[in-house]
Amino acid sequence: MWVDYGIAASIGFAGLLGLMQLTGELTALSMSAYQLTMAGFLLDELAAVSSWEGVSLTSAAQLCGSSEWGTQALHCGMIEVWLGALPQGGLSAAADGLVSLTWEQMDGSVMAITRPDASD
């Protein structure tokens, strides 16, 4: 009887460990999906701001991505909020017209999304 109880308890314990593993993976997947959604919204908002203000996407990224002077030349809308939702998030503009959005994921790796300037 004790042997049966020991076997059942070990199977139950292994099942709980598997359930905890699955929960952790689902949480990581949910966080990654949230971050990708915020990144997509941010790049779409940046494209809209560049279109409304009549500047290139790279100029809008340079003006909205950094607020080191305390003020910004453009009204950047939700870009600042969505950039704050991405850990270590940052915008950078390349000379070839690509805008890159990078942030740190939960596992420490860095994710990057690029978008070309549609006005070119």
N, C-alpha and C. Protein backbone atom coordinates (compact mmCIF):
# COMPACT_ATOMS: atom_id res chain seq x y z
N MET A 1 0.81 -1.19 0.00
CA MET A 1 0.00 0.00 0.00
C MET A 1 0.86 1.26 0.00
N TRP A 2 1.93 1.25 0.79
CA TRP A 2 2.80 2.42 0.83
C TRP A 2 3.52 2.62 -0.49
N VAL A 3 3.80 1.54 -1.16
CA VAL A 3 4.46 1.63 -2.45
C VAL A 3 3.52 2.28 -3.47
N ASP A 4 2.25 1.87 -3.45
CA ASP A 4 1.27 2.49 -4.35
C ASP A 4 1.12 3.97 -4.06
N TYR A 5 1.09 4.31 -2.78
CA TYR A 5 0.98 5.71 -2.40
C TYR A 5 2.21 6.50 -2.87
N GLY A 6 3.38 5.93 -2.73
CA GLY A 6 4.61 6.60 -3.18
C GLY A 6 4.63 6.81 -4.68
N ILE A 7 4.17 5.81 -5.42
CA ILE A 7 4.13 5.95 -6.88
C ILE A 7 3.12 7.03 -7.29
N ALA A 8 1.95 7.01 -6.68
CA ALA A 8 0.92 8.02 -6.99
C ALA A 8 1.39 9.42 -6.63
N ALA A 9 2.05 9.56 -5.49
CA ALA A 9 2.54 10.88 -5.07
C ALA A 9 3.62 11.39 -6.02
N SER A 10 4.51 10.50 -6.47
CA SER A 10 5.57 10.94 -7.39
C SER A 10 4.99 11.32 -8.75
N ILE A 11 3.97 10.59 -9.21
CA ILE A 11 3.32 10.96 -10.48
C ILE A 11 2.62 12.31 -10.34
N GLY A 12 1.95 12.53 -9.22
CA GLY A 12 1.29 13.81 -8.98
C GLY A 12 2.29 14.95 -8.90
N PHE A 13 3.41 14.71 -8.23
CA PHE A 13 4.44 15.74 -8.11
C PHE A 13 5.03 16.07 -9.48
N ALA A 14 5.29 15.06 -10.29
CA ALA A 14 5.80 15.29 -11.65
C ALA A 14 4.79 16.06 -12.49
N GLY A 15 3.50 15.76 -12.31
CA GLY A 15 2.46 16.50 -13.02
C GLY A 15 2.42 17.96 -12.62
N LEU A 16 2.58 18.24 -11.32
CA LEU A 16 2.61 19.63 -10.86
C LEU A 16 3.82 20.38 -11.39
N LEU A 17 4.96 19.71 -11.44
CA LEU A 17 6.14 20.36 -12.01
C LEU A 17 5.93 20.69 -13.49
N GLY A 18 5.31 19.76 -14.22
CA GLY A 18 5.00 20.00 -15.62
C GLY A 18 4.03 21.15 -15.80
N LEU A 19 3.05 21.23 -14.91
CA LEU A 19 2.08 22.32 -14.95
C LEU A 19 2.74 23.67 -14.66
N MET A 20 3.67 23.69 -13.73
CA MET A 20 4.40 24.93 -13.44
C MET A 20 5.25 25.35 -14.64
N GLN A 21 5.88 24.39 -15.29
CA GLN A 21 6.68 24.67 -16.50
C GLN A 21 5.79 25.26 -17.59
N LEU A 22 4.63 24.66 -17.81
CA LEU A 22 3.70 25.13 -18.82
C LEU A 22 3.21 26.54 -18.50
N THR A 23 2.93 26.80 -17.23
CA THR A 23 2.48 28.13 -16.83
C THR A 23 3.56 29.18 -17.11
N GLY A 24 4.80 28.85 -16.82
CA GLY A 24 5.90 29.77 -17.10
C GLY A 24 6.05 30.05 -18.58
N GLU A 25 5.92 29.02 -19.39
CA GLU A 25 6.03 29.20 -20.84
C GLU A 25 4.87 30.01 -21.40
N LEU A 26 3.67 29.79 -20.88
CA LEU A 26 2.52 30.58 -21.33
C LEU A 26 2.66 32.04 -20.93
N THR A 27 3.19 32.29 -19.75
CA THR A 27 3.42 33.67 -19.32
C THR A 27 4.45 34.35 -20.21
N ALA A 28 5.52 33.65 -20.54
CA ALA A 28 6.54 34.22 -21.42
C ALA A 28 5.98 34.48 -22.81
N LEU A 29 5.16 33.56 -23.33
CA LEU A 29 4.54 33.74 -24.63
C LEU A 29 3.59 34.94 -24.63
N SER A 30 2.82 35.07 -23.56
CA SER A 30 1.90 36.20 -23.44
C SER A 30 2.66 37.53 -23.39
N MET A 31 3.75 37.57 -22.65
CA MET A 31 4.55 38.79 -22.55
C MET A 31 5.19 39.13 -23.90
N SER A 32 5.67 38.12 -24.61
CA SER A 32 6.26 38.36 -25.93
C SER A 32 5.22 38.88 -26.91
N ALA A 33 4.02 38.32 -26.88
CA ALA A 33 2.94 38.79 -27.76
C ALA A 33 2.56 40.23 -27.42
N TYR A 34 2.51 40.55 -26.14
CA TYR A 34 2.20 41.92 -25.71
C TYR A 34 3.27 42.89 -26.21
N GLN A 35 4.54 42.53 -26.05
CA GLN A 35 5.62 43.41 -26.47
C GLN A 35 5.64 43.59 -27.99
N LEU A 36 5.39 42.53 -28.73
CA LEU A 36 5.33 42.66 -30.19
C LEU A 36 4.17 43.54 -30.63
N THR A 37 3.04 43.42 -29.95
CA THR A 37 1.89 44.28 -30.25
C THR A 37 2.22 45.74 -29.97
N MET A 38 2.82 46.02 -28.82
CA MET A 38 3.21 47.39 -28.49
C MET A 38 4.22 47.93 -29.50
N ALA A 39 5.15 47.10 -29.94
CA ALA A 39 6.14 47.53 -30.93
C ALA A 39 5.47 47.86 -32.26
N GLY A 40 4.53 47.04 -32.67
CA GLY A 40 3.80 47.32 -33.91
C GLY A 40 3.00 48.61 -33.81
N PHE A 41 2.32 48.80 -32.68
CA PHE A 41 1.57 50.05 -32.48
C PHE A 41 2.51 51.26 -32.51
N LEU A 42 3.67 51.11 -31.89
CA LEU A 42 4.62 52.22 -31.83
C LEU A 42 5.10 52.60 -33.22
N LEU A 43 5.46 51.62 -34.03
CA LEU A 43 5.95 51.93 -35.38
C LEU A 43 4.83 52.49 -36.26
N ASP A 44 3.61 52.00 -36.09
CA ASP A 44 2.47 52.56 -36.84
C ASP A 44 2.20 54.00 -36.43
N GLU A 45 2.26 54.27 -35.13
CA GLU A 45 2.05 55.64 -34.64
C GLU A 45 3.16 56.56 -35.13
N LEU A 46 4.38 56.06 -35.15
CA LEU A 46 5.51 56.85 -35.65
C LEU A 46 5.33 57.18 -37.13
N ALA A 47 4.86 56.22 -37.91
CA ALA A 47 4.59 56.47 -39.33
C ALA A 47 3.47 57.50 -39.49
N ALA A 48 2.45 57.43 -38.65
CA ALA A 48 1.35 58.41 -38.72
C ALA A 48 1.84 59.80 -38.35
N VAL A 49 2.66 59.90 -37.31
CA VAL A 49 3.20 61.21 -36.91
C VAL A 49 4.07 61.78 -38.02
N SER A 50 4.89 60.95 -38.64
CA SER A 50 5.74 61.46 -39.71
C SER A 50 4.91 61.92 -40.90
N SER A 51 3.82 61.23 -41.18
CA SER A 51 2.94 61.63 -42.28
C SER A 51 2.21 62.93 -41.97
N TRP A 52 1.68 63.03 -40.76
CA TRP A 52 0.93 64.24 -40.37
C TRP A 52 1.82 65.47 -40.29
N GLU A 53 3.04 65.28 -39.81
CA GLU A 53 3.95 66.42 -39.64
C GLU A 53 4.73 66.72 -40.91
N GLY A 54 4.65 65.85 -41.91
CA GLY A 54 5.35 66.08 -43.17
C GLY A 54 6.85 65.90 -43.09
N VAL A 55 7.30 65.03 -42.20
CA VAL A 55 8.74 64.74 -42.08
C VAL A 55 8.95 63.27 -42.41
N SER A 56 10.19 62.91 -42.65
CA SER A 56 10.49 61.51 -42.94
C SER A 56 10.35 60.67 -41.67
N LEU A 57 10.24 59.38 -41.86
CA LEU A 57 10.12 58.47 -40.73
C LEU A 57 11.37 58.50 -39.86
N THR A 58 12.53 58.59 -40.49
CA THR A 58 13.77 58.65 -39.71
C THR A 58 13.86 59.93 -38.89
N SER A 59 13.39 61.05 -39.45
CA SER A 59 13.39 62.31 -38.68
C SER A 59 12.43 62.21 -37.50
N ALA A 60 11.26 61.62 -37.74
CA ALA A 60 10.30 61.46 -36.65
C ALA A 60 10.86 60.54 -35.57
N ALA A 61 11.58 59.50 -35.96
CA ALA A 61 12.17 58.58 -34.98
C ALA A 61 13.24 59.29 -34.15
N GLN A 62 14.02 60.15 -34.80
CA GLN A 62 15.05 60.88 -34.07
C GLN A 62 14.43 61.89 -33.12
N LEU A 63 13.33 62.52 -33.53
CA LEU A 63 12.71 63.54 -32.69
C LEU A 63 11.85 62.95 -31.58
N CYS A 64 11.20 61.83 -31.83
CA CYS A 64 10.33 61.22 -30.82
C CYS A 64 11.05 60.20 -29.95
N GLY A 65 12.11 59.63 -30.46
CA GLY A 65 12.79 58.57 -29.73
C GLY A 65 13.61 59.05 -28.56
N SER A 66 14.10 60.26 -28.62
CA SER A 66 14.93 60.76 -27.53
C SER A 66 14.38 62.08 -27.03
N SER A 67 14.25 62.18 -25.74
CA SER A 67 13.81 63.44 -25.15
C SER A 67 14.89 63.95 -24.20
N GLU A 68 16.13 63.91 -24.68
CA GLU A 68 17.26 64.29 -23.83
C GLU A 68 17.32 65.79 -23.57
N TRP A 69 16.64 66.60 -24.40
CA TRP A 69 16.65 68.04 -24.17
C TRP A 69 15.46 68.48 -23.33
N GLY A 70 14.60 67.55 -22.96
CA GLY A 70 13.46 67.87 -22.13
C GLY A 70 12.21 68.25 -22.91
N THR A 71 12.37 68.71 -24.13
CA THR A 71 11.22 69.04 -24.97
C THR A 71 11.38 68.33 -26.30
N GLN A 72 10.27 68.15 -26.98
CA GLN A 72 10.32 67.51 -28.27
C GLN A 72 9.70 68.43 -29.30
N ALA A 73 10.24 68.39 -30.51
CA ALA A 73 9.75 69.26 -31.58
C ALA A 73 8.41 68.80 -32.11
N LEU A 74 8.13 67.50 -32.04
CA LEU A 74 6.88 66.94 -32.55
C LEU A 74 6.00 66.50 -31.39
N HIS A 75 4.69 66.50 -31.63
CA HIS A 75 3.79 65.88 -30.67
C HIS A 75 3.82 64.39 -30.96
N CYS A 76 4.40 63.62 -30.08
CA CYS A 76 4.66 62.22 -30.37
C CYS A 76 3.55 61.29 -29.89
N GLY A 77 2.49 61.82 -29.33
CA GLY A 77 1.33 61.00 -28.99
C GLY A 77 1.65 59.84 -28.09
N MET A 78 1.19 58.67 -28.49
CA MET A 78 1.35 57.47 -27.67
C MET A 78 2.71 56.81 -27.82
N ILE A 79 3.57 57.37 -28.65
CA ILE A 79 4.88 56.75 -28.88
C ILE A 79 5.66 56.63 -27.58
N GLU A 80 5.64 57.67 -26.77
CA GLU A 80 6.38 57.64 -25.51
C GLU A 80 5.82 56.59 -24.56
N VAL A 81 4.51 56.46 -24.52
CA VAL A 81 3.87 55.49 -23.63
C VAL A 81 4.21 54.07 -24.07
N TRP A 82 4.09 53.80 -25.37
CA TRP A 82 4.37 52.45 -25.87
C TRP A 82 5.85 52.14 -25.79
N LEU A 83 6.71 53.13 -25.94
CA LEU A 83 8.14 52.90 -25.79
C LEU A 83 8.46 52.57 -24.33
N GLY A 84 7.73 53.19 -23.40
CA GLY A 84 7.92 52.87 -21.98
C GLY A 84 7.44 51.47 -21.62
N ALA A 85 6.55 50.89 -22.41
CA ALA A 85 6.06 49.53 -22.14
C ALA A 85 7.07 48.46 -22.57
N LEU A 86 8.07 48.86 -23.33
CA LEU A 86 9.09 47.92 -23.78
C LEU A 86 10.34 48.09 -22.93
N PRO A 87 10.78 47.05 -22.23
CA PRO A 87 11.96 47.17 -21.37
C PRO A 87 13.20 47.54 -22.18
N GLN A 88 13.90 48.56 -21.75
CA GLN A 88 15.10 49.06 -22.42
C GLN A 88 14.81 49.39 -23.88
N GLY A 89 13.58 49.86 -24.18
CA GLY A 89 13.18 50.15 -25.55
C GLY A 89 13.87 51.39 -26.09
N GLY A 90 14.22 51.34 -27.36
CA GLY A 90 14.86 52.47 -27.98
C GLY A 90 14.64 52.49 -29.48
N LEU A 91 14.52 53.69 -30.01
CA LEU A 91 14.37 53.90 -31.45
C LEU A 91 15.70 54.39 -32.01
N SER A 92 16.03 53.91 -33.20
CA SER A 92 17.22 54.43 -33.88
C SER A 92 16.91 54.52 -35.36
N ALA A 93 17.47 55.52 -35.99
CA ALA A 93 17.26 55.75 -37.41
C ALA A 93 18.58 55.55 -38.14
N ALA A 94 18.51 54.84 -39.25
CA ALA A 94 19.69 54.60 -40.08
C ALA A 94 19.68 55.55 -41.27
N ALA A 95 20.83 55.72 -41.88
CA ALA A 95 20.95 56.63 -43.01
C ALA A 95 20.19 56.13 -44.24
N ASP A 96 19.95 54.81 -44.31
CA ASP A 96 19.26 54.25 -45.47
C ASP A 96 17.74 54.33 -45.37
N GLY A 97 17.23 55.04 -44.37
CA GLY A 97 15.80 55.25 -44.25
C GLY A 97 15.09 54.22 -43.39
N LEU A 98 15.82 53.28 -42.80
CA LEU A 98 15.22 52.29 -41.92
C LEU A 98 15.16 52.81 -40.49
N VAL A 99 14.05 52.54 -39.83
CA VAL A 99 13.91 52.85 -38.41
C VAL A 99 13.91 51.53 -37.67
N SER A 100 14.72 51.45 -36.63
CA SER A 100 14.85 50.23 -35.87
C SER A 100 14.35 50.45 -34.44
N LEU A 101 13.54 49.53 -33.98
CA LEU A 101 13.03 49.56 -32.61
C LEU A 101 13.58 48.33 -31.90
N THR A 102 14.29 48.53 -30.81
CA THR A 102 14.88 47.43 -30.06
C THR A 102 14.39 47.46 -28.62
N TRP A 103 14.30 46.29 -28.02
CA TRP A 103 13.98 46.18 -26.60
C TRP A 103 14.50 44.85 -26.08
N GLU A 104 14.57 44.76 -24.76
CA GLU A 104 15.09 43.56 -24.11
C GLU A 104 13.93 42.65 -23.72
N GLN A 105 14.05 41.37 -24.05
CA GLN A 105 13.03 40.40 -23.71
C GLN A 105 13.27 39.84 -22.31
N MET A 106 12.33 39.02 -21.85
CA MET A 106 12.41 38.48 -20.49
C MET A 106 13.65 37.62 -20.27
N ASP A 107 14.12 36.94 -21.31
CA ASP A 107 15.28 36.07 -21.16
C ASP A 107 16.60 36.81 -21.33
N GLY A 108 16.54 38.12 -21.51
CA GLY A 108 17.75 38.92 -21.64
C GLY A 108 18.19 39.16 -23.07
N SER A 109 17.58 38.47 -24.02
CA SER A 109 17.95 38.70 -25.42
C SER A 109 17.32 40.00 -25.91
N VAL A 110 17.86 40.53 -26.98
CA VAL A 110 17.39 41.79 -27.53
C VAL A 110 16.60 41.50 -28.81
N MET A 111 15.41 42.06 -28.88
CA MET A 111 14.54 41.92 -30.05
C MET A 111 14.60 43.23 -30.83
N ALA A 112 14.61 43.14 -32.15
CA ALA A 112 14.64 44.33 -33.00
C ALA A 112 13.64 44.18 -34.13
N ILE A 113 12.94 45.27 -34.42
CA ILE A 113 12.03 45.33 -35.55
C ILE A 113 12.43 46.56 -36.35
N THR A 114 12.48 46.42 -37.66
CA THR A 114 12.81 47.56 -38.53
C THR A 114 11.63 47.87 -39.43
N ARG A 115 11.57 49.13 -39.83
CA ARG A 115 10.51 49.57 -40.75
C ARG A 115 11.12 50.58 -41.71
N PRO A 116 10.87 50.38 -43.01
CA PRO A 116 11.38 51.36 -43.98
C PRO A 116 10.48 52.58 -44.03
N ASP A 117 11.03 53.67 -44.50
CA ASP A 117 10.25 54.90 -44.68
C ASP A 117 9.43 54.76 -45.95
N ALA A 118 8.11 54.84 -45.82
CA ALA A 118 7.22 54.66 -46.97
C ALA A 118 7.23 55.88 -47.89
N SER A 119 7.71 57.02 -47.41
CA SER A 119 7.68 58.23 -48.22
C SER A 119 8.84 58.31 -49.20
N ASP A 120 9.80 57.39 -49.10
CA ASP A 120 10.94 57.42 -50.04
C ASP A 120 10.56 56.99 -51.42
